[in-house]
């Protein structure tokens, strides 16, 4: 085969591969445009259901608060020694029959498998109304129990909303998930972040 024919063959191959890449990118873009709004709406529905479960019968007002973990810390949020504040991706004021009932805070602490998404309720009486993990990348059968085991996460309900909760291994009262101390600490960081941030709101 001459060098000219070889060059033409390589050129055609490059063009074909380029077209295939372009078509694949185009299809991915179309699929993303179609699915992105559906995923976003599903996330909203999941969040709303969690808030309704934590503070039943409440109406929620989105306060438009979105803060990085660094901004949360700069807002004066302090957690137990060695623990870090989580990012906040939403704060919602709750009212029941026109009366203030507290807040629900969407927080994103870092767990073993990456970022978790949680809803934490803080009551006006200074206690944790409840908590719920709505998304995570934790290990099935271990850290995933933070979402799938409703009895485990119930232990946060009624705890003081002082931002100082810790797992028993760290001298606190929260029983960690067996084999998943990192996830348990992350969930506790999320609860503490929500409680401490609400305290800064006055």
Protein backbone atom coordinates (compact mmCIF):
# COMPACT_ATOMS: atom_id res chain seq x y z
CA UNK A 1 0.00 0.00 0.00
CA UNK A 2 1.38 3.41 -1.00
CA UNK A 3 1.90 6.17 1.53
CA UNK A 4 -0.78 8.21 -0.25
CA UNK A 5 -3.45 5.50 0.13
CA UNK A 6 -2.42 4.87 3.72
CA UNK A 7 -2.77 8.58 4.46
CA UNK A 8 -6.22 8.69 2.83
CA UNK A 9 -7.32 5.67 4.91
CA UNK A 10 -6.19 7.29 8.13
CA UNK A 11 -7.91 10.53 7.12
CA UNK A 12 -11.21 8.73 6.48
CA UNK A 13 -10.89 6.92 9.83
CA UNK A 14 -10.37 10.22 11.64
CA UNK A 15 -13.42 11.73 9.94
CA UNK A 16 -15.59 8.70 10.79
CA UNK A 17 -14.45 8.70 14.42
CA UNK A 18 -15.04 12.43 14.62
CA UNK A 19 -18.59 12.03 13.30
CA UNK A 20 -19.31 9.20 15.75
CA UNK A 21 -18.01 11.32 18.64
CA UNK A 22 -20.11 14.28 17.51
CA UNK A 23 -23.29 12.18 17.24
CA UNK A 24 -22.69 10.61 20.67
CA UNK A 25 -22.10 14.01 22.27
CA UNK A 26 -25.25 15.35 20.60
CA UNK A 27 -27.34 12.43 21.86
CA UNK A 28 -25.96 12.81 25.39
CA UNK A 29 -26.83 16.51 25.31
CA UNK A 30 -30.40 15.77 24.21
CA UNK A 31 -30.83 13.07 26.87
CA UNK A 32 -29.48 15.45 29.52
CA UNK A 33 -31.89 18.20 28.45
CA UNK A 34 -34.81 15.80 28.71
CA UNK A 35 -33.85 14.14 31.99
CA UNK A 36 -32.35 17.09 33.95
CA UNK A 37 -35.74 18.74 34.72
CA UNK A 38 -37.20 15.36 35.73
CA UNK A 39 -34.27 14.66 38.08
CA UNK A 40 -34.54 18.15 39.56
CA UNK A 41 -38.28 17.76 40.17
CA UNK A 42 -37.72 14.35 41.74
CA UNK A 43 -35.16 15.89 44.11
CA UNK A 44 -37.65 18.61 45.05
CA UNK A 45 -40.39 16.05 45.68
CA UNK A 46 -38.03 13.96 47.85
CA UNK A 47 -37.00 17.04 49.84
CA UNK A 48 -40.59 18.17 50.35
CA UNK A 49 -41.68 14.70 51.48
CA UNK A 50 -38.83 14.58 53.99
CA UNK A 51 -39.70 18.00 55.41
CA UNK A 52 -43.38 17.04 55.72
CA UNK A 53 -42.36 13.87 57.57
CA UNK A 54 -40.12 15.79 59.99
CA UNK A 55 -42.52 18.69 60.69
CA UNK A 56 -45.98 17.36 59.75
CA UNK A 57 -48.64 19.79 58.57
CA UNK A 58 -46.19 22.66 58.10
CA UNK A 59 -45.95 25.19 55.32
CA UNK A 60 -42.39 25.91 54.25
CA UNK A 61 -40.85 29.16 53.08
CA UNK A 62 -37.61 28.90 51.11
CA UNK A 63 -35.21 31.45 52.60
CA UNK A 64 -32.84 31.16 49.65
CA UNK A 65 -29.81 30.15 51.72
CA UNK A 66 -27.03 28.24 49.93
CA UNK A 67 -23.63 28.16 51.63
CA UNK A 68 -20.39 26.27 51.13
CA UNK A 69 -18.91 24.51 54.14
CA UNK A 70 -16.37 27.33 54.41
CA UNK A 71 -19.11 29.97 54.40
CA UNK A 72 -21.04 28.05 57.06
CA UNK A 73 -17.97 28.00 59.28
CA UNK A 74 -17.44 31.72 58.64
CA UNK A 75 -21.03 32.35 59.76
CA UNK A 76 -20.00 31.35 63.27
CA UNK A 77 -21.02 27.70 63.23
CA UNK A 78 -18.84 25.63 65.56
CA UNK A 79 -18.93 21.85 65.88
CA UNK A 80 -17.22 19.53 68.36
CA UNK A 81 -13.41 19.48 68.22
CA UNK A 82 -12.11 17.76 65.11
CA UNK A 83 -15.41 17.91 63.22
CA UNK A 84 -16.19 20.15 60.25
CA UNK A 85 -19.34 22.00 59.27
CA UNK A 86 -21.23 20.73 56.24
CA UNK A 87 -22.39 22.74 53.24
CA UNK A 88 -25.97 24.01 53.34
CA UNK A 89 -28.07 23.78 50.18
CA UNK A 90 -31.34 25.16 51.53
CA UNK A 91 -33.06 26.59 54.59
CA UNK A 92 -36.85 26.47 54.91
CA UNK A 93 -38.87 28.23 57.59
CA UNK A 94 -41.74 26.08 58.87
CA UNK A 95 -45.08 27.39 60.08
CA UNK A 96 -48.04 25.38 61.35
CA UNK A 97 -51.40 27.16 61.47
CA UNK A 98 -49.59 30.45 61.08
CA UNK A 99 -47.27 29.82 64.04
CA UNK A 100 -43.51 29.40 63.78
CA UNK A 101 -42.65 25.72 64.07
CA UNK A 102 -38.92 25.83 63.35
CA UNK A 103 -36.76 25.25 60.31
CA UNK A 104 -35.78 22.47 57.96
CA UNK A 105 -32.22 22.66 56.68
CA UNK A 106 -30.84 20.73 53.73
CA UNK A 107 -27.21 19.90 54.48
CA UNK A 108 -24.50 18.02 52.59
CA UNK A 109 -21.94 16.44 54.93
CA UNK A 110 -19.11 14.32 53.54
CA UNK A 111 -19.43 10.61 54.25
CA UNK A 112 -17.39 7.53 53.37
CA UNK A 113 -18.70 7.34 49.81
CA UNK A 114 -18.90 11.05 49.11
CA UNK A 115 -21.46 13.74 49.85
CA UNK A 116 -24.74 12.93 51.57
CA UNK A 117 -27.89 15.00 51.21
CA UNK A 118 -29.94 15.35 54.39
CA UNK A 119 -32.93 17.22 55.70
CA UNK A 120 -32.68 18.22 59.36
CA UNK A 121 -35.57 19.74 61.29
CA UNK A 122 -34.96 22.11 64.17
CA UNK A 123 -37.93 22.90 66.43
CA UNK A 124 -38.62 26.23 68.10
CA UNK A 125 -38.16 24.53 71.49
CA UNK A 126 -34.45 24.06 70.78
CA UNK A 127 -34.52 20.36 69.95
CA UNK A 128 -33.96 18.35 66.79
CA UNK A 129 -37.35 17.63 65.22
CA UNK A 130 -35.87 14.86 63.12
CA UNK A 131 -33.44 14.03 60.34
CA UNK A 132 -33.62 12.14 57.08
CA UNK A 133 -30.95 11.17 54.54
CA UNK A 134 -32.39 11.71 51.06
CA UNK A 135 -29.37 10.85 48.89
CA UNK A 136 -25.96 9.25 49.42
CA UNK A 137 -23.20 7.12 47.94
CA UNK A 138 -22.55 5.02 51.03
CA UNK A 139 -21.85 1.28 51.10
CA UNK A 140 -24.96 -0.92 50.79
CA UNK A 141 -25.69 -2.78 54.02
CA UNK A 142 -23.38 -0.50 55.99
CA UNK A 143 -23.40 3.28 55.61
CA UNK A 144 -26.52 3.03 53.45
CA UNK A 145 -28.41 2.17 56.65
CA UNK A 146 -28.31 5.90 57.40
CA UNK A 147 -31.14 6.10 54.87
CA UNK A 148 -32.69 2.65 54.94
CA UNK A 149 -32.88 2.08 58.71
CA UNK A 150 -35.54 4.44 60.08
CA UNK A 151 -34.95 3.28 63.64
CA UNK A 152 -31.29 4.30 63.56
CA UNK A 153 -31.86 7.88 62.47
CA UNK A 154 -34.73 8.34 64.94
CA UNK A 155 -32.18 8.69 67.73
CA UNK A 156 -31.50 12.28 66.63
CA UNK A 157 -35.12 13.25 67.24
CA UNK A 158 -35.54 15.14 70.50
CA UNK A 159 -31.80 15.68 70.97
CA UNK A 160 -30.62 19.17 72.02
CA UNK A 161 -30.13 21.38 68.96
CA UNK A 162 -26.87 22.76 70.32
CA UNK A 163 -24.58 21.62 67.52
CA UNK A 164 -22.55 19.44 69.87
CA UNK A 165 -23.84 15.91 69.26
CA UNK A 166 -21.26 13.15 68.87
CA UNK A 167 -21.18 9.41 68.32
CA UNK A 168 -20.44 7.25 71.36
CA UNK A 169 -16.92 6.48 70.09
CA UNK A 170 -16.18 10.21 70.41
CA UNK A 171 -17.78 10.45 73.86
CA UNK A 172 -21.29 11.35 72.75
CA UNK A 173 -24.70 9.69 72.88
CA UNK A 174 -25.29 8.79 69.22
CA UNK A 175 -24.94 5.07 68.53
CA UNK A 176 -22.99 4.64 65.30
CA UNK A 177 -24.07 2.22 62.58
CA UNK A 178 -22.05 -0.98 63.07
CA UNK A 179 -19.05 -0.84 60.75
CA UNK A 180 -19.91 2.66 59.55
CA UNK A 181 -18.55 5.15 62.04
CA UNK A 182 -17.51 7.53 59.24
CA UNK A 183 -21.06 7.69 57.87
CA UNK A 184 -22.48 8.06 61.38
CA UNK A 185 -20.13 10.95 62.07
CA UNK A 186 -21.11 12.56 58.77
CA UNK A 187 -24.82 12.38 59.59
CA UNK A 188 -24.08 13.81 63.04
CA UNK A 189 -22.08 16.62 61.40
CA UNK A 190 -25.11 17.36 59.24
CA UNK A 191 -27.44 17.53 62.23
CA UNK A 192 -24.97 19.69 64.16
CA UNK A 193 -24.46 22.04 61.21
CA UNK A 194 -28.20 22.56 60.81
CA UNK A 195 -28.71 23.15 64.54
CA UNK A 196 -25.76 25.52 64.90
CA UNK A 197 -26.72 27.50 61.78
CA UNK A 198 -30.32 27.94 62.92
CA UNK A 199 -28.95 29.21 66.25
CA UNK A 200 -27.11 32.00 64.38
CA UNK A 201 -30.41 33.14 62.84
CA UNK A 202 -31.66 34.37 66.23
